[in-house]
Amino acid sequence: MTHLPPSPRRRSAVRRHSLAVAALSVATFVVASPSVAGAAGSPTDPPVDRVVTTTSQADGAILVTTAEVGTLSISDCRWGYTCIWSSPLYAGTLVQYRLPGQYIPLPSFSIGSYANRYEKRATFYETVGGGGHSTCAPPATSNAAVTGWLTAARSLYQNTTTTTC
């Protein structure tokens, strides 16, 4: 069987397909990344208080998903996750985490409330990577109105073995 070189028409179709895949990848990144979507300032961006971001780990990969939802509440925090909200009383932007055994950088917004529905303790730290002041949240605890330095916490650690603080 003799293989002929691709025709100019075939090469053109392959190029168009490659460009379409690249464009889709960029579009997916912009939609899935709240920091990029927020920076764009598009009038079609969902209101900040209706966005939920979930960060989790599966088979060594960190997965970040973003979805537009209705009014958020404490019931929007999934079991097995530690959640933070940008406003008191579990309102505003909700970010959910499940990345046990590592320091998780927190978003730059002030923390208004949190819930630890992770099965082990979760510790909030003043600085990225741990350090400074810390606050321990045992499993199944929450704080509807965060005050003091904790509003500016910059990292979270979900313990892998200990449940008590």
N, C-alpha and C. Protein backbone atom coordinates (compact mmCIF):
# COMPACT_ATOMS: atom_id res chain seq x y z
N MET A 1 0.84 -1.17 0.00
CA MET A 1 0.00 0.00 0.00
C MET A 1 0.88 1.23 0.00
N THR A 2 0.63 2.14 -0.90
CA THR A 2 1.41 3.36 -1.03
C THR A 2 0.68 4.50 -0.32
N HIS A 3 1.42 5.24 0.50
CA HIS A 3 0.84 6.41 1.18
C HIS A 3 1.17 7.66 0.39
N LEU A 4 0.17 8.39 0.03
CA LEU A 4 0.36 9.63 -0.70
C LEU A 4 0.44 10.80 0.28
N PRO A 5 1.19 11.82 -0.05
CA PRO A 5 1.23 12.98 0.84
C PRO A 5 -0.15 13.63 0.91
N PRO A 6 -0.49 14.25 2.04
CA PRO A 6 -1.82 14.86 2.17
C PRO A 6 -2.00 15.96 1.13
N SER A 7 -3.20 16.04 0.61
CA SER A 7 -3.52 17.05 -0.38
C SER A 7 -3.60 18.42 0.30
N PRO A 8 -3.47 19.50 -0.47
CA PRO A 8 -3.60 20.84 0.13
C PRO A 8 -4.95 21.02 0.82
N ARG A 9 -6.00 20.42 0.27
CA ARG A 9 -7.33 20.53 0.89
C ARG A 9 -7.33 19.85 2.26
N ARG A 10 -6.69 18.66 2.36
CA ARG A 10 -6.61 17.92 3.63
C ARG A 10 -5.80 18.70 4.66
N ARG A 11 -4.64 19.25 4.24
CA ARG A 11 -3.81 20.05 5.16
C ARG A 11 -4.59 21.25 5.68
N SER A 12 -5.37 21.89 4.83
CA SER A 12 -6.17 23.04 5.22
C SER A 12 -7.23 22.64 6.24
N ALA A 13 -7.87 21.49 6.04
CA ALA A 13 -8.89 21.01 6.98
C ALA A 13 -8.26 20.69 8.33
N VAL A 14 -7.06 20.09 8.33
CA VAL A 14 -6.37 19.78 9.58
C VAL A 14 -6.01 21.08 10.31
N ARG A 15 -5.52 22.09 9.58
CA ARG A 15 -5.20 23.38 10.19
C ARG A 15 -6.43 24.02 10.81
N ARG A 16 -7.57 24.00 10.09
CA ARG A 16 -8.81 24.59 10.62
C ARG A 16 -9.22 23.86 11.89
N HIS A 17 -9.12 22.52 11.91
CA HIS A 17 -9.48 21.74 13.09
C HIS A 17 -8.56 22.10 14.26
N SER A 18 -7.26 22.20 14.01
CA SER A 18 -6.31 22.55 15.06
C SER A 18 -6.61 23.94 15.64
N LEU A 19 -6.92 24.89 14.77
CA LEU A 19 -7.26 26.23 15.24
C LEU A 19 -8.54 26.22 16.05
N ALA A 20 -9.53 25.44 15.63
CA ALA A 20 -10.79 25.35 16.37
C ALA A 20 -10.56 24.74 17.74
N VAL A 21 -9.73 23.70 17.84
CA VAL A 21 -9.42 23.09 19.13
C VAL A 21 -8.71 24.09 20.03
N ALA A 22 -7.74 24.83 19.49
CA ALA A 22 -7.01 25.83 20.28
C ALA A 22 -7.96 26.92 20.77
N ALA A 23 -8.85 27.39 19.90
CA ALA A 23 -9.81 28.43 20.30
C ALA A 23 -10.74 27.91 21.39
N LEU A 24 -11.19 26.66 21.28
CA LEU A 24 -12.07 26.08 22.29
C LEU A 24 -11.34 25.97 23.62
N SER A 25 -10.05 25.59 23.59
CA SER A 25 -9.26 25.49 24.82
C SER A 25 -9.16 26.84 25.51
N VAL A 26 -8.91 27.89 24.77
CA VAL A 26 -8.82 29.23 25.35
C VAL A 26 -10.17 29.64 25.89
N ALA A 27 -11.24 29.40 25.14
CA ALA A 27 -12.58 29.77 25.60
C ALA A 27 -12.95 29.02 26.87
N THR A 28 -12.60 27.74 26.94
CA THR A 28 -12.88 26.95 28.13
C THR A 28 -12.13 27.51 29.32
N PHE A 29 -10.86 27.90 29.14
CA PHE A 29 -10.08 28.46 30.23
C PHE A 29 -10.72 29.74 30.75
N VAL A 30 -11.15 30.61 29.85
CA VAL A 30 -11.75 31.88 30.27
C VAL A 30 -13.03 31.63 31.05
N VAL A 31 -13.85 30.69 30.62
CA VAL A 31 -15.11 30.41 31.32
C VAL A 31 -14.84 29.75 32.67
N ALA A 32 -13.88 28.83 32.73
CA ALA A 32 -13.65 28.06 33.95
C ALA A 32 -12.81 28.79 34.97
N SER A 33 -12.16 29.86 34.63
CA SER A 33 -11.30 30.56 35.56
C SER A 33 -11.96 31.84 36.03
N PRO A 34 -12.44 31.89 37.32
CA PRO A 34 -13.12 33.08 37.78
C PRO A 34 -12.22 34.31 37.76
N SER A 35 -10.91 34.15 37.99
CA SER A 35 -10.04 35.32 38.01
C SER A 35 -9.93 35.92 36.61
N VAL A 36 -9.88 35.08 35.57
CA VAL A 36 -9.80 35.59 34.21
C VAL A 36 -11.14 36.16 33.79
N ALA A 37 -12.23 35.42 34.08
CA ALA A 37 -13.56 35.89 33.70
C ALA A 37 -13.88 37.21 34.41
N GLY A 38 -13.52 37.32 35.68
CA GLY A 38 -13.78 38.54 36.42
C GLY A 38 -12.98 39.70 35.89
N ALA A 39 -11.74 39.43 35.44
CA ALA A 39 -10.89 40.49 34.94
C ALA A 39 -11.42 41.00 33.60
N ALA A 40 -12.10 40.14 32.87
CA ALA A 40 -12.61 40.54 31.56
C ALA A 40 -13.68 41.61 31.70
N GLY A 41 -14.47 41.56 32.80
CA GLY A 41 -15.48 42.57 33.05
C GLY A 41 -16.60 42.56 32.03
N SER A 42 -16.87 41.44 31.45
CA SER A 42 -17.90 41.34 30.42
C SER A 42 -19.28 41.51 31.04
N PRO A 43 -20.19 42.20 30.35
CA PRO A 43 -21.55 42.33 30.87
C PRO A 43 -22.28 41.00 30.95
N THR A 44 -21.75 39.96 30.30
CA THR A 44 -22.39 38.66 30.36
C THR A 44 -21.87 37.81 31.51
N ASP A 45 -20.85 38.28 32.26
CA ASP A 45 -20.36 37.53 33.41
C ASP A 45 -21.47 37.40 34.44
N PRO A 46 -21.58 36.24 35.10
CA PRO A 46 -22.61 36.09 36.13
C PRO A 46 -22.28 36.98 37.32
N PRO A 47 -23.29 37.43 38.06
CA PRO A 47 -23.03 38.23 39.24
C PRO A 47 -22.14 37.45 40.21
N VAL A 48 -21.22 38.14 40.87
CA VAL A 48 -20.25 37.48 41.75
C VAL A 48 -20.94 36.67 42.83
N ASP A 49 -22.08 37.12 43.34
CA ASP A 49 -22.73 36.40 44.43
C ASP A 49 -23.49 35.17 43.95
N ARG A 50 -23.36 34.82 42.68
CA ARG A 50 -24.04 33.63 42.17
C ARG A 50 -23.05 32.66 41.55
N VAL A 51 -21.77 32.73 41.94
CA VAL A 51 -20.75 31.85 41.38
C VAL A 51 -20.23 30.93 42.46
N VAL A 52 -20.16 29.65 42.16
CA VAL A 52 -19.57 28.67 43.08
C VAL A 52 -18.38 28.03 42.37
N THR A 53 -17.25 28.01 43.07
CA THR A 53 -16.04 27.40 42.54
C THR A 53 -15.68 26.22 43.43
N THR A 54 -15.41 25.07 42.83
CA THR A 54 -15.04 23.87 43.58
C THR A 54 -13.65 23.45 43.16
N THR A 55 -12.77 23.26 44.14
CA THR A 55 -11.42 22.79 43.89
C THR A 55 -11.25 21.46 44.61
N SER A 56 -10.89 20.42 43.87
CA SER A 56 -10.73 19.09 44.46
C SER A 56 -9.58 18.38 43.78
N GLN A 57 -9.22 17.23 44.33
CA GLN A 57 -8.13 16.45 43.77
C GLN A 57 -8.63 15.06 43.43
N ALA A 58 -8.30 14.59 42.24
CA ALA A 58 -8.68 13.24 41.80
C ALA A 58 -7.51 12.64 41.04
N ASP A 59 -7.02 11.52 41.51
CA ASP A 59 -5.91 10.82 40.86
C ASP A 59 -4.71 11.74 40.63
N GLY A 60 -4.40 12.60 41.59
CA GLY A 60 -3.24 13.48 41.50
C GLY A 60 -3.47 14.76 40.73
N ALA A 61 -4.62 14.93 40.09
CA ALA A 61 -4.89 16.15 39.33
C ALA A 61 -5.79 17.06 40.14
N ILE A 62 -5.51 18.35 40.09
CA ILE A 62 -6.36 19.32 40.78
C ILE A 62 -7.42 19.78 39.79
N LEU A 63 -8.67 19.64 40.17
CA LEU A 63 -9.80 19.99 39.32
C LEU A 63 -10.46 21.25 39.85
N VAL A 64 -10.68 22.23 39.00
CA VAL A 64 -11.39 23.45 39.38
C VAL A 64 -12.58 23.59 38.46
N THR A 65 -13.76 23.66 39.05
CA THR A 65 -14.97 23.86 38.26
C THR A 65 -15.69 25.10 38.77
N THR A 66 -16.33 25.80 37.88
CA THR A 66 -17.07 27.01 38.22
C THR A 66 -18.46 26.89 37.63
N ALA A 67 -19.47 27.29 38.41
CA ALA A 67 -20.84 27.22 37.92
C ALA A 67 -21.62 28.42 38.43
N GLU A 68 -22.58 28.87 37.63
CA GLU A 68 -23.48 29.92 38.07
C GLU A 68 -24.66 29.26 38.77
N VAL A 69 -25.02 29.79 39.93
CA VAL A 69 -26.12 29.23 40.71
C VAL A 69 -27.03 30.35 41.18
N GLY A 70 -28.09 29.99 41.87
CA GLY A 70 -28.99 30.99 42.45
C GLY A 70 -28.43 31.52 43.75
N THR A 71 -29.27 31.89 44.67
CA THR A 71 -28.84 32.40 45.96
C THR A 71 -28.10 31.30 46.71
N LEU A 72 -26.92 31.63 47.24
CA LEU A 72 -26.10 30.64 47.93
C LEU A 72 -26.47 30.60 49.41
N SER A 73 -26.24 29.43 50.04
CA SER A 73 -26.47 29.27 51.47
C SER A 73 -25.53 28.19 51.98
N ILE A 74 -25.59 27.92 53.28
CA ILE A 74 -24.71 26.90 53.86
C ILE A 74 -24.98 25.52 53.26
N SER A 75 -26.20 25.28 52.83
CA SER A 75 -26.52 23.97 52.24
C SER A 75 -25.82 23.75 50.90
N ASP A 76 -25.27 24.82 50.29
CA ASP A 76 -24.54 24.68 49.03
C ASP A 76 -23.13 24.14 49.23
N CYS A 77 -22.67 24.08 50.48
CA CYS A 77 -21.35 23.50 50.78
C CYS A 77 -21.50 21.99 50.82
N ARG A 78 -20.82 21.31 49.91
CA ARG A 78 -20.94 19.85 49.79
C ARG A 78 -20.24 19.16 50.96
N TRP A 79 -20.79 18.02 51.40
CA TRP A 79 -20.14 17.22 52.43
C TRP A 79 -18.81 16.73 51.90
N GLY A 80 -17.78 16.75 52.76
CA GLY A 80 -16.44 16.35 52.37
C GLY A 80 -15.58 17.52 51.93
N TYR A 81 -16.11 18.74 51.98
CA TYR A 81 -15.40 19.94 51.54
C TYR A 81 -15.32 20.96 52.68
N THR A 82 -14.33 21.85 52.59
CA THR A 82 -14.28 23.04 53.44
C THR A 82 -14.67 24.19 52.53
N CYS A 83 -15.61 25.02 52.98
CA CYS A 83 -16.16 26.08 52.14
C CYS A 83 -15.95 27.44 52.77
N ILE A 84 -15.70 28.43 51.94
CA ILE A 84 -15.65 29.81 52.41
C ILE A 84 -16.56 30.66 51.54
N TRP A 85 -17.16 31.67 52.15
CA TRP A 85 -18.02 32.62 51.46
C TRP A 85 -17.43 34.02 51.61
N SER A 86 -17.69 34.87 50.66
CA SER A 86 -17.17 36.23 50.69
C SER A 86 -17.99 37.15 51.60
N SER A 87 -19.14 36.70 52.06
CA SER A 87 -20.00 37.53 52.91
C SER A 87 -20.45 36.73 54.13
N PRO A 88 -20.82 37.43 55.21
CA PRO A 88 -21.38 36.72 56.38
C PRO A 88 -22.67 36.00 56.02
N LEU A 89 -23.07 35.10 56.89
CA LEU A 89 -24.31 34.34 56.75
C LEU A 89 -24.34 33.49 55.48
N TYR A 90 -23.16 33.00 55.07
CA TYR A 90 -23.03 32.07 53.95
C TYR A 90 -23.61 32.64 52.66
N ALA A 91 -23.26 33.88 52.39
CA ALA A 91 -23.73 34.57 51.18
C ALA A 91 -22.52 35.04 50.38
N GLY A 92 -22.78 35.53 49.18
CA GLY A 92 -21.70 36.01 48.32
C GLY A 92 -21.07 34.87 47.56
N THR A 93 -19.84 35.06 47.13
CA THR A 93 -19.11 34.04 46.37
C THR A 93 -18.75 32.89 47.28
N LEU A 94 -18.99 31.68 46.82
CA LEU A 94 -18.68 30.45 47.55
C LEU A 94 -17.54 29.73 46.85
N VAL A 95 -16.51 29.34 47.62
CA VAL A 95 -15.42 28.53 47.09
C VAL A 95 -15.31 27.29 47.97
N GLN A 96 -15.31 26.10 47.36
CA GLN A 96 -15.26 24.83 48.08
C GLN A 96 -13.91 24.16 47.83
N TYR A 97 -13.33 23.56 48.88
CA TYR A 97 -12.02 22.92 48.75
C TYR A 97 -12.05 21.49 49.26
N ARG A 98 -11.34 20.63 48.54
CA ARG A 98 -11.05 19.27 49.00
C ARG A 98 -9.69 18.90 48.43
N LEU A 99 -8.64 19.32 49.14
CA LEU A 99 -7.26 19.05 48.75
C LEU A 99 -6.49 18.65 50.00
N PRO A 100 -6.80 17.48 50.60
CA PRO A 100 -6.18 17.10 51.87
C PRO A 100 -4.67 16.96 51.78
N GLY A 101 -4.02 17.33 52.91
CA GLY A 101 -2.59 17.14 53.03
C GLY A 101 -1.72 18.16 52.36
N GLN A 102 -2.27 19.30 51.96
CA GLN A 102 -1.46 20.35 51.35
C GLN A 102 -2.01 21.73 51.72
N TYR A 103 -1.12 22.72 51.71
CA TYR A 103 -1.55 24.09 51.97
C TYR A 103 -2.23 24.63 50.72
N ILE A 104 -3.42 25.13 50.90
CA ILE A 104 -4.23 25.60 49.78
C ILE A 104 -4.27 27.13 49.84
N PRO A 105 -3.81 27.82 48.80
CA PRO A 105 -3.93 29.28 48.80
C PRO A 105 -5.40 29.68 48.68
N LEU A 106 -5.80 30.65 49.48
CA LEU A 106 -7.19 31.11 49.47
C LEU A 106 -7.34 32.31 48.55
N PRO A 107 -8.56 32.58 48.07
CA PRO A 107 -8.77 33.74 47.19
C PRO A 107 -8.49 35.05 47.93
N SER A 108 -8.31 36.11 47.17
CA SER A 108 -7.95 37.39 47.77
C SER A 108 -9.12 38.12 48.41
N PHE A 109 -10.36 37.66 48.24
CA PHE A 109 -11.47 38.36 48.88
C PHE A 109 -11.50 38.08 50.39
N SER A 110 -12.13 38.97 51.15
CA SER A 110 -12.28 38.78 52.59
C SER A 110 -13.22 37.61 52.85
N ILE A 111 -12.88 36.81 53.86
CA ILE A 111 -13.73 35.68 54.22
C ILE A 111 -14.83 36.20 55.15
N GLY A 112 -16.07 36.01 54.74
CA GLY A 112 -17.21 36.46 55.55
C GLY A 112 -17.77 35.35 56.42
N SER A 113 -17.67 34.09 55.95
CA SER A 113 -18.16 32.93 56.71
C SER A 113 -17.50 31.67 56.15
N TYR A 114 -17.52 30.61 56.95
CA TYR A 114 -16.96 29.34 56.48
C TYR A 114 -17.72 28.18 57.09
N ALA A 115 -17.58 27.01 56.48
CA ALA A 115 -18.13 25.76 57.00
C ALA A 115 -17.12 24.66 56.70
N ASN A 116 -16.81 23.85 57.70
CA ASN A 116 -15.92 22.71 57.48
C ASN A 116 -16.76 21.45 57.46
N ARG A 117 -17.07 20.99 56.27
CA ARG A 117 -17.81 19.73 56.11
C ARG A 117 -16.87 18.61 55.68
N TYR A 118 -15.56 18.89 55.78
CA TYR A 118 -14.53 17.89 55.53
C TYR A 118 -14.49 16.98 56.76
N GLU A 119 -14.17 15.70 56.56
CA GLU A 119 -14.24 14.72 57.66
C GLU A 119 -13.12 14.84 58.69
N LYS A 120 -12.13 15.67 58.43
CA LYS A 120 -11.04 15.92 59.38
C LYS A 120 -11.00 17.41 59.69
N ARG A 121 -10.09 17.79 60.59
CA ARG A 121 -10.01 19.22 60.91
C ARG A 121 -9.41 19.99 59.73
N ALA A 122 -9.78 21.25 59.65
CA ALA A 122 -9.23 22.17 58.66
C ALA A 122 -8.66 23.37 59.42
N THR A 123 -7.48 23.81 59.04
CA THR A 123 -6.85 24.93 59.74
C THR A 123 -6.63 26.07 58.76
N PHE A 124 -7.09 27.26 59.14
CA PHE A 124 -6.88 28.48 58.36
C PHE A 124 -5.62 29.16 58.87
N TYR A 125 -4.79 29.65 57.97
CA TYR A 125 -3.54 30.33 58.33
C TYR A 125 -3.52 31.75 57.78
N GLU A 126 -2.81 32.60 58.51
CA GLU A 126 -2.69 34.01 58.14
C GLU A 126 -1.91 34.21 56.84
N THR A 127 -0.92 33.37 56.58
CA THR A 127 -0.07 33.56 55.40
C THR A 127 -0.18 32.39 54.44
N VAL A 128 0.20 32.62 53.19
CA VAL A 128 0.22 31.56 52.19
C VAL A 128 1.24 30.52 52.61
N GLY A 129 0.89 29.25 52.53
CA GLY A 129 1.79 28.18 52.91
C GLY A 129 1.83 27.89 54.40
N GLY A 130 0.89 28.43 55.16
CA GLY A 130 0.88 28.23 56.62
C GLY A 130 1.73 29.28 57.29
N GLY A 131 1.55 29.46 58.56
CA GLY A 131 2.33 30.43 59.31
C GLY A 131 1.47 31.59 59.77
N GLY A 132 2.01 32.33 60.75
CA GLY A 132 1.27 33.43 61.34
C GLY A 132 0.17 32.88 62.24
N HIS A 133 -0.88 33.64 62.42
CA HIS A 133 -2.02 33.18 63.22
C HIS A 133 -2.67 31.98 62.55
N SER A 134 -3.34 31.15 63.36
CA SER A 134 -4.08 30.02 62.78
C SER A 134 -5.37 29.82 63.57
N THR A 135 -6.35 29.29 62.90
CA THR A 135 -7.63 28.93 63.52
C THR A 135 -8.00 27.54 63.04
N CYS A 136 -8.28 26.66 63.99
CA CYS A 136 -8.64 25.29 63.67
C CYS A 136 -10.16 25.14 63.64
N ALA A 137 -10.66 24.47 62.64
CA ALA A 137 -12.10 24.20 62.51
C ALA A 137 -12.30 22.69 62.53
N PRO A 138 -12.84 22.14 63.62
CA PRO A 138 -13.12 20.70 63.66
C PRO A 138 -14.15 20.32 62.58
N PRO A 139 -14.27 19.03 62.28
CA PRO A 139 -15.27 18.62 61.30
C PRO A 139 -16.68 19.05 61.71
N ALA A 140 -17.51 19.32 60.73
CA ALA A 140 -18.92 19.67 60.95
C ALA A 140 -19.10 20.94 61.79
N THR A 141 -18.20 21.91 61.62
CA THR A 141 -18.35 23.19 62.31
C THR A 141 -18.45 24.30 61.27
N SER A 142 -18.94 25.45 61.71
CA SER A 142 -19.08 26.58 60.81
C SER A 142 -19.00 27.88 61.60
N ASN A 143 -18.80 28.97 60.88
CA ASN A 143 -18.76 30.30 61.47
C ASN A 143 -19.50 31.22 60.51
N ALA A 144 -20.65 31.70 60.93
CA ALA A 144 -21.52 32.50 60.06
C ALA A 144 -21.04 33.94 59.90
N ALA A 145 -20.20 34.43 60.82
CA ALA A 145 -19.74 35.82 60.75
C ALA A 145 -18.29 35.90 61.22
N VAL A 146 -17.36 35.69 60.30
CA VAL A 146 -15.94 35.70 60.60
C VAL A 146 -15.49 37.11 60.94
N THR A 147 -14.63 37.23 61.97
CA THR A 147 -14.10 38.54 62.37
C THR A 147 -12.58 38.44 62.56
N GLY A 148 -11.95 39.58 62.77
CA GLY A 148 -10.52 39.63 63.08
C GLY A 148 -9.65 39.24 61.90
N TRP A 149 -8.45 38.74 62.22
CA TRP A 149 -7.47 38.40 61.18
C TRP A 149 -7.99 37.34 60.22
N LEU A 150 -8.90 36.47 60.69
CA LEU A 150 -9.38 35.36 59.88
C LEU A 150 -10.06 35.83 58.58
N THR A 151 -10.59 37.05 58.58
CA THR A 151 -11.20 37.57 57.35
C THR A 151 -10.18 37.69 56.23
N ALA A 152 -8.90 37.78 56.60
CA ALA A 152 -7.83 37.93 55.61
C ALA A 152 -6.94 36.69 55.54
N ALA A 153 -7.42 35.53 56.00
CA ALA A 153 -6.62 34.29 55.95
C ALA A 153 -6.19 34.03 54.51
N ARG A 154 -4.98 33.52 54.34
CA ARG A 154 -4.44 33.31 53.00
C ARG A 154 -4.16 31.86 52.67
N SER A 155 -4.30 30.93 53.64
CA SER A 155 -4.14 29.52 53.28
C SER A 155 -4.98 28.63 54.20
N LEU A 156 -5.22 27.44 53.71
CA LEU A 156 -6.05 26.45 54.39
C LEU A 156 -5.32 25.11 54.31
N TYR A 157 -5.35 24.35 55.41
CA TYR A 157 -4.76 23.01 55.39
C TYR A 157 -5.82 22.04 55.88
N GLN A 158 -6.16 21.05 55.05
CA GLN A 158 -7.11 20.00 55.43
C GLN A 158 -6.29 18.81 55.91
N ASN A 159 -6.39 18.53 57.21
CA ASN A 159 -5.61 17.46 57.80
C ASN A 159 -6.02 16.10 57.25
N THR A 160 -5.08 15.19 57.18
CA THR A 160 -5.38 13.85 56.65
C THR A 160 -5.58 12.80 57.74
N THR A 161 -5.23 13.13 58.99
CA THR A 161 -5.33 12.13 60.05
C THR A 161 -6.08 12.59 61.28
N THR A 162 -6.01 13.84 61.66
CA THR A 162 -6.54 14.30 62.94
C THR A 162 -7.89 15.00 62.77
N THR A 163 -8.81 14.68 63.68
CA THR A 163 -10.12 15.33 63.63
C THR A 163 -10.27 16.39 64.71
N THR A 164 -9.54 16.26 65.83
CA THR A 164 -9.69 17.21 66.93
C THR A 164 -8.71 18.37 66.80
N CYS A 165 -9.08 19.49 67.36
CA CYS A 165 -8.22 20.67 67.34
C CYS A 165 -7.44 20.77 68.65
